[in-house]
Protein backbone atom coordinates (compact mmCIF):
# COMPACT_ATOMS: atom_id res chain seq x y z
CA MET A 1 97.62 -20.61 -10.02
CA ASP A 2 95.80 -22.81 -12.57
CA THR A 3 96.95 -22.98 -16.17
CA ILE A 4 95.71 -23.48 -19.73
CA THR A 5 98.46 -24.59 -22.11
CA LEU A 6 98.45 -24.22 -25.89
CA THR A 7 101.29 -26.08 -27.61
CA GLY A 8 102.49 -26.02 -31.19
CA ILE A 9 100.23 -23.34 -32.70
CA ARG A 10 101.51 -22.89 -36.23
CA ALA A 11 101.05 -20.11 -38.78
CA GLN A 12 102.94 -18.38 -41.57
CA GLY A 13 104.26 -14.87 -41.01
CA THR A 14 106.63 -12.29 -42.51
CA HIS A 15 108.78 -11.52 -39.49
CA GLY A 16 112.54 -11.02 -39.43
CA VAL A 17 115.31 -8.49 -39.88
CA LEU A 18 116.46 -9.56 -43.35
CA GLU A 19 114.78 -7.92 -46.34
CA HIS A 20 113.43 -11.15 -47.85
CA GLU A 21 111.76 -12.00 -44.53
CA HIS A 22 109.57 -8.90 -44.90
CA THR A 23 107.76 -10.39 -47.89
CA ARG A 24 108.38 -14.15 -47.92
CA PRO A 25 106.23 -16.01 -45.34
CA GLN A 26 107.87 -18.61 -43.13
CA PRO A 27 106.51 -20.81 -40.33
CA PHE A 28 106.34 -19.68 -36.72
CA ILE A 29 105.32 -21.97 -33.85
CA VAL A 30 103.98 -20.68 -30.54
CA ASP A 31 103.55 -22.34 -27.16
CA ALA A 32 101.57 -20.40 -24.57
CA THR A 33 100.80 -21.06 -20.92
CA ILE A 34 97.94 -18.96 -19.54
CA GLU A 35 97.70 -18.63 -15.76
CA LEU A 36 94.32 -17.88 -14.18
CA ASP A 37 91.95 -19.01 -11.44
CA LEU A 38 89.83 -21.87 -12.76
CA ASN A 39 87.98 -22.53 -9.52
CA ALA A 40 84.76 -20.86 -10.73
CA ALA A 41 84.82 -22.74 -14.06
CA GLY A 42 85.39 -26.05 -12.31
CA ARG A 43 82.28 -25.50 -10.20
CA SER A 44 79.98 -23.86 -12.76
CA ASP A 45 80.96 -25.73 -15.96
CA ALA A 46 80.42 -22.38 -17.73
CA LEU A 47 82.63 -21.07 -20.55
CA ASP A 48 82.20 -17.52 -19.23
CA ASP A 49 84.17 -18.51 -16.12
CA THR A 50 87.30 -19.45 -18.03
CA VAL A 51 89.22 -18.44 -21.17
CA ASP A 52 88.02 -19.76 -24.52
CA TYR A 53 91.24 -21.40 -25.70
CA GLY A 54 89.88 -21.50 -29.26
CA ARG A 55 89.68 -17.70 -29.29
CA ALA A 56 93.10 -17.49 -27.67
CA ALA A 57 94.58 -19.71 -30.40
CA LYS A 58 92.96 -17.58 -33.12
CA ALA A 59 94.38 -14.46 -31.48
CA ILE A 60 97.87 -15.96 -31.66
CA VAL A 61 97.46 -16.91 -35.31
CA GLY A 62 96.11 -13.45 -36.11
CA ILE A 63 99.26 -11.83 -34.71
CA ILE A 64 101.61 -14.24 -36.50
CA GLU A 65 99.81 -13.58 -39.79
CA GLY A 66 99.53 -9.85 -39.09
CA GLU A 67 101.84 -6.87 -39.48
CA HIS A 68 105.58 -7.46 -39.88
CA VAL A 69 107.95 -7.13 -36.93
CA ASP A 70 111.72 -7.58 -37.03
CA LEU A 71 112.29 -9.54 -33.83
CA ILE A 72 110.63 -12.66 -32.45
CA GLU A 73 111.09 -10.96 -29.07
CA ARG A 74 108.62 -8.33 -30.29
CA LEU A 75 106.32 -10.98 -31.72
CA ALA A 76 106.28 -12.76 -28.36
CA GLN A 77 105.48 -9.48 -26.58
CA CYS A 78 102.51 -8.76 -28.87
CA ILE A 79 101.16 -12.28 -28.37
CA ALA A 80 101.53 -11.91 -24.60
CA ASP A 81 99.70 -8.58 -24.69
CA ALA A 82 96.85 -10.09 -26.69
CA LEU A 83 96.46 -13.01 -24.27
CA LEU A 84 96.57 -10.69 -21.26
CA SER A 85 93.66 -8.73 -22.75
CA PHE A 86 91.39 -11.71 -22.06
CA GLU A 87 89.41 -11.44 -18.87
CA ARG A 88 90.66 -13.54 -15.91
CA VAL A 89 94.20 -13.98 -17.29
CA ARG A 90 96.79 -13.02 -14.68
CA ARG A 91 100.05 -14.20 -16.26
CA VAL A 92 101.23 -15.70 -19.54
CA THR A 93 104.37 -17.43 -20.70
CA VAL A 94 104.89 -17.32 -24.46
CA THR A 95 107.50 -19.15 -26.50
CA VAL A 96 107.94 -18.24 -30.17
CA HIS A 97 109.85 -20.76 -32.32
CA LYS A 98 111.41 -19.76 -35.64
CA PRO A 99 112.51 -23.10 -37.12
CA HIS A 100 113.58 -21.62 -40.48
CA ALA A 101 115.64 -18.77 -39.04
CA PRO A 102 118.44 -17.61 -41.42
CA ILE A 103 121.33 -19.22 -39.52
CA THR A 104 124.36 -20.48 -41.44
CA VAL A 105 125.22 -23.40 -39.13
CA PRO A 106 123.19 -26.60 -38.55
CA PHE A 107 120.46 -26.08 -35.94
CA THR A 108 117.16 -27.57 -34.84
CA ASP A 109 115.26 -24.56 -33.57
CA VAL A 110 115.51 -20.96 -32.40
CA SER A 111 113.06 -19.71 -29.80
CA VAL A 112 112.38 -16.85 -27.41
CA THR A 113 110.40 -17.28 -24.17
CA ILE A 114 108.91 -14.43 -22.15
CA THR A 115 106.67 -14.27 -19.07
CA ARG A 116 104.38 -11.28 -18.50
CA ASP A 117 101.92 -10.41 -15.74
CA ALA A 118 98.62 -8.57 -16.12
CA GLU A 119 100.02 -5.92 -13.81
CA ASP A 120 102.65 -5.14 -16.46
CA CYS A 121 99.88 -3.64 -18.62
CA LEU A 122 99.28 0.07 -18.12
CA THR A 123 96.26 2.13 -19.06
CA ALA A 124 96.93 4.93 -21.54
CA PRO A 125 97.20 8.37 -19.90
CA ALA A 126 94.45 10.83 -20.67
CA ASP A 127 95.05 14.00 -22.67
CA ASP A 128 92.71 16.81 -23.58
CA ASP A 129 92.13 15.51 -27.09
CA VAL A 130 94.28 12.44 -27.77
CA ALA A 131 95.11 9.37 -25.74
CA VAL A 132 98.68 8.25 -26.42
CA GLY A 133 99.27 4.56 -25.91
CA ASP A 134 101.76 1.75 -26.36
CA CYS A 135 101.44 -2.00 -27.02
CA GLU A 136 99.93 -2.55 -23.57
CA ASP A 137 97.38 0.23 -23.99
CA CYS A 138 94.91 0.68 -26.84
CA GLY A 139 92.21 1.29 -24.23
CA ASP A 140 92.42 -2.15 -22.63
CA GLN A 141 90.98 -2.58 -19.13
CA HIS A 142 91.93 -5.15 -16.48
CA GLU A 143 89.66 -7.77 -15.01
CA GLY A 144 87.52 -6.33 -12.24
CA SER A 145 87.45 -2.77 -13.62
CA ALA A 146 84.43 -1.27 -15.33
CA ARG A 147 84.41 -1.59 -19.08
CA SER A 148 84.67 1.75 -20.86
CA ILE A 149 82.56 2.56 -23.89
CA HIS A 150 84.82 3.08 -26.89
CA HIS A 151 83.80 4.99 -30.01
CA ILE A 152 85.26 3.33 -33.09
CA VAL A 153 85.52 3.94 -36.81
CA LEU A 154 85.69 0.92 -39.12
CA SER A 155 86.41 0.79 -42.84
CA LEU A 156 84.74 -1.99 -44.83
CA GLY A 157 85.69 -2.99 -48.35
CA ALA A 158 85.52 -5.87 -50.82
CA ASN A 159 86.10 -6.52 -54.53
CA GLN A 160 85.89 -10.30 -54.74
CA GLY A 161 82.97 -12.69 -54.76
CA GLY A 162 80.72 -11.84 -57.68
CA ASN A 163 78.93 -8.78 -59.00
CA ALA A 164 78.17 -5.56 -57.14
CA ALA A 165 74.98 -6.95 -55.62
CA ALA A 166 76.75 -10.03 -54.24
CA ILE A 167 79.64 -8.01 -52.83
CA THR A 168 77.19 -5.57 -51.27
CA GLY A 169 75.46 -8.50 -49.62
CA VAL A 170 78.75 -9.54 -48.01
CA LEU A 171 79.35 -6.01 -46.72
CA ARG A 172 75.77 -5.77 -45.46
CA ASP A 173 76.12 -9.07 -43.60
CA ALA A 174 79.42 -7.89 -42.09
CA VAL A 175 77.70 -4.80 -40.66
CA ARG A 176 75.05 -7.01 -39.10
CA GLN A 177 77.70 -9.29 -37.60
CA LEU A 178 79.52 -6.28 -36.16
CA ASP A 179 76.29 -5.04 -34.63
CA ALA A 180 75.76 -8.48 -33.09
CA ILE A 181 79.09 -8.41 -31.20
CA GLU A 182 78.39 -8.38 -27.47
CA GLY A 183 78.53 -4.84 -26.09
CA THR A 184 78.64 -3.27 -29.56
CA GLN A 185 76.13 -1.02 -31.30
CA ILE A 186 76.35 0.43 -34.80
CA THR A 187 75.77 4.19 -34.62
CA GLY A 188 76.33 5.21 -38.23
CA VAL A 189 76.82 3.76 -41.72
CA SER A 190 78.04 5.79 -44.68
CA SER A 191 76.83 5.55 -48.24
CA LEU A 192 78.35 2.78 -50.34
CA TYR A 193 81.22 3.95 -52.55
CA ARG A 194 82.99 2.48 -55.55
CA THR A 195 86.76 3.11 -55.50
CA LYS A 196 89.78 2.21 -57.56
CA ALA A 197 92.04 -0.40 -55.97
CA TRP A 198 94.57 1.53 -53.88
CA GLY A 199 98.23 0.46 -54.23
CA MET A 200 97.38 -2.58 -56.39
CA PRO A 201 98.00 -3.55 -60.05
CA GLN A 202 96.13 -1.50 -62.65
CA ASN A 203 93.75 -4.29 -63.69
CA THR A 204 92.59 -5.01 -60.13
CA PRO A 205 88.76 -4.84 -59.89
CA ASP A 206 87.22 -1.81 -58.20
CA PHE A 207 86.34 -2.03 -54.51
CA LEU A 208 83.05 -1.27 -52.82
CA ASN A 209 83.72 0.61 -49.57
CA ALA A 210 81.87 2.08 -46.62
CA ILE A 211 82.60 3.50 -43.19
CA VAL A 212 80.85 2.20 -40.08
CA LEU A 213 80.70 4.05 -36.75
CA ALA A 214 80.05 2.08 -33.58
CA SER A 215 80.24 2.16 -29.83
CA THR A 216 81.56 -0.88 -27.99
CA THR A 217 82.58 -2.10 -24.58
CA ARG A 218 84.94 -4.61 -26.18
CA ARG A 219 88.64 -4.07 -25.67
CA PRO A 220 90.25 -2.98 -28.96
CA ARG A 221 92.35 -6.12 -29.31
CA GLU A 222 89.36 -8.31 -28.50
CA LEU A 223 87.43 -6.45 -31.17
CA LEU A 224 90.28 -6.91 -33.64
CA GLN A 225 90.21 -10.68 -33.15
CA THR A 226 86.43 -10.79 -33.61
CA ILE A 227 86.82 -8.74 -36.80
CA HIS A 228 89.39 -11.24 -38.07
CA ASP A 229 86.88 -14.02 -37.38
CA ILE A 230 84.23 -12.17 -39.42
CA GLU A 231 86.70 -11.67 -42.28
CA GLN A 232 87.76 -15.30 -42.26
CA SER A 233 84.15 -16.48 -42.31
CA ALA A 234 83.82 -14.52 -45.57
CA GLY A 235 86.88 -16.26 -47.03
CA ARG A 236 89.57 -13.67 -46.23
CA ASP A 237 93.17 -14.94 -46.24
CA HIS A 238 95.29 -12.73 -43.97
CA GLY A 239 98.45 -14.19 -45.45
CA GLN A 240 97.84 -12.20 -48.65
CA HIS A 241 98.59 -8.48 -48.60
CA TRP A 242 97.84 -5.90 -51.30
CA ALA A 243 95.49 -8.28 -53.08
CA SER A 244 91.83 -8.59 -53.99
CA ARG A 245 89.73 -9.77 -51.07
CA PRO A 246 86.18 -10.91 -50.31
CA LEU A 247 86.03 -8.76 -47.15
CA ASP A 248 88.36 -6.30 -45.50
CA ILE A 249 87.53 -4.61 -42.17
CA ASP A 250 90.06 -2.14 -40.77
CA ILE A 251 89.92 -0.40 -37.41
CA ILE A 252 90.61 3.21 -38.35
CA ASP A 253 90.12 5.00 -35.04
CA VAL A 254 89.35 4.22 -31.39
CA ASP A 255 88.51 7.24 -29.21
CA GLY A 256 91.06 9.36 -31.09
CA MET A 257 93.82 7.25 -29.53
CA VAL A 258 97.37 7.18 -30.86
CA CYS A 259 98.90 3.72 -30.37
CA ASP A 260 102.12 2.74 -32.14
CA ASP A 261 101.92 -1.04 -32.06
CA PRO A 262 102.18 -3.62 -34.88
CA THR A 263 99.23 -5.58 -33.52
CA LEU A 264 96.88 -2.60 -33.65
CA THR A 265 98.28 0.75 -34.78
CA LEU A 266 95.94 3.67 -34.10
CA PRO A 267 94.84 5.55 -35.99
CA HIS A 268 95.26 3.32 -39.04
CA PRO A 269 98.69 4.36 -40.34
CA ARG A 270 97.55 4.94 -43.92
CA ALA A 271 94.09 6.38 -43.27
CA TRP A 272 95.24 9.93 -43.95
CA GLN A 273 96.23 8.95 -47.51
CA ARG A 274 93.12 7.01 -48.46
CA ALA A 275 90.20 8.76 -50.07
CA PHE A 276 88.10 5.60 -49.79
CA VAL A 277 88.38 5.96 -46.00
CA LEU A 278 88.23 9.74 -45.66
CA VAL A 279 85.40 10.53 -48.12
CA PRO A 280 82.79 8.19 -46.60
CA TRP A 281 83.97 9.03 -43.07
CA ALA A 282 83.42 12.74 -43.70
CA GLN A 283 80.04 11.93 -45.23
CA VAL A 284 78.77 10.03 -42.18
CA ASP A 285 80.42 12.40 -39.66
CA CYS A 286 81.05 15.89 -41.04
CA ASP A 287 82.92 16.98 -37.87
CA ALA A 288 85.22 13.97 -37.68
CA ARG A 289 88.91 14.46 -36.95
CA LEU A 290 91.80 12.08 -37.54
CA ALA A 291 94.34 11.92 -34.71
CA GLY A 292 98.09 11.49 -35.05
CA PRO A 293 100.93 13.30 -36.83
CA HIS A 294 99.10 13.30 -40.19
CA GLY A 295 95.75 14.10 -38.63
CA GLY A 296 93.29 16.91 -39.02
CA LYS A 297 89.70 17.50 -40.03
CA VAL A 298 88.68 14.46 -42.06
CA ALA A 299 86.73 16.45 -44.66
CA GLU A 300 89.79 18.59 -45.41
CA LEU A 301 92.11 15.59 -45.56
CA ALA A 302 89.69 13.94 -48.00
CA ARG A 303 89.78 16.93 -50.34
CA ASN A 304 93.59 16.83 -50.38
CA THR A 305 94.00 13.17 -51.31
CA PRO A 306 95.23 12.71 -54.88
CA ASP A 307 92.65 9.99 -55.63
CA ALA A 308 89.56 11.75 -54.22
CA HIS A 309 88.13 11.95 -57.76
CA SER A 310 88.15 8.14 -58.04
CA VAL A 311 85.66 7.67 -55.18
CA GLU A 312 82.04 7.70 -56.30
CA VAL A 313 78.77 7.02 -54.50
CA VAL A 314 77.02 3.81 -55.55
CA CYS A 315 74.05 3.84 -53.17
CA ASP A 316 72.98 5.88 -50.15
CA ASP A 317 70.62 3.33 -48.60
CA TRP A 318 72.61 0.21 -49.46
CA MET A 319 71.82 -1.53 -46.17
CA VAL A 320 68.21 -1.90 -47.35
CA ALA A 321 68.42 -1.27 -51.11
CA GLN A 322 67.43 -3.82 -53.74
CA ALA A 323 70.06 -5.23 -56.09
CA ASP A 324 68.97 -3.11 -59.05
CA ASN A 325 69.75 0.09 -57.12
CA LEU A 326 73.42 -0.74 -56.61
CA GLY A 327 74.93 0.73 -59.74
CA ASN A 328 76.86 -1.26 -62.34
CA PRO A 329 76.16 -4.95 -61.60
CA ASP A 330 79.04 -6.19 -63.74
CA THR A 331 81.84 -5.23 -61.35
CA GLN A 332 83.63 -8.51 -60.70
CA GLY A 333 86.18 -9.69 -58.18
CA ASP A 334 88.94 -12.10 -59.02
């Protein structure tokens, strides 16, 4: 089997068992060996016949900088799952180094190495209403199988980068970039809403938010990485949590699937609490339902959120509206 090797990929993450490791970033280093058949790429000289190692590296960084996990064993597993979601990959070996591990004796490095095959990944079992998945699931398909069409719900928000018109322009461009993703089509866009910053200091600028519905043949983790690329192109720093941001795109729902995984938890674990998600979602899809233990009819959940009164419509046709139709133009980001 041929291999692609990525060595020394570095990023900051908040992973570890100790309490301070949950909030204080520290460096993690990843080495990954990807096994696949490169015969076609060697003959065609076409990127489509191999794995884009730039995208693979970004996927690794996205997981390191993403949601907290306690164990580097778990971090290695999530990285392996993400790499196995790429077409043509048959096996991966992932080593996660934690050079600043909280060890009280002199040491040079601590690392965990795992090897996983594509055959280890299982497709989520079907249910009448909800697909229940695990880290290997989230609707992913293997190479050679037909790509399913997934129906997804995305939440867009921003409060940084200028006045309301400028921020709206960023959100509008993000929708266009999402629609340009191969195999993806936007099927619905909510009105634009102004909302108070949820879970942030009192003086944090208001957010502009919207919900986007789409269909896609992209695997959910592939889509997540592409979304991270769109966010980063707008200046988003994934190392900062609970802070103002120039663009935030969250995957809220994929086919009503329930997937308890730190890389991509479905539905979004806090969607049921957030009026800025539920109100525009109910507006663009009045029959929408949220899956999971806190789920239910989205319109009813929206009415029961304590901050529903703080969500107000700014513009209905914001994808085409002129700047002077976007409400208060003096809303500023940091």
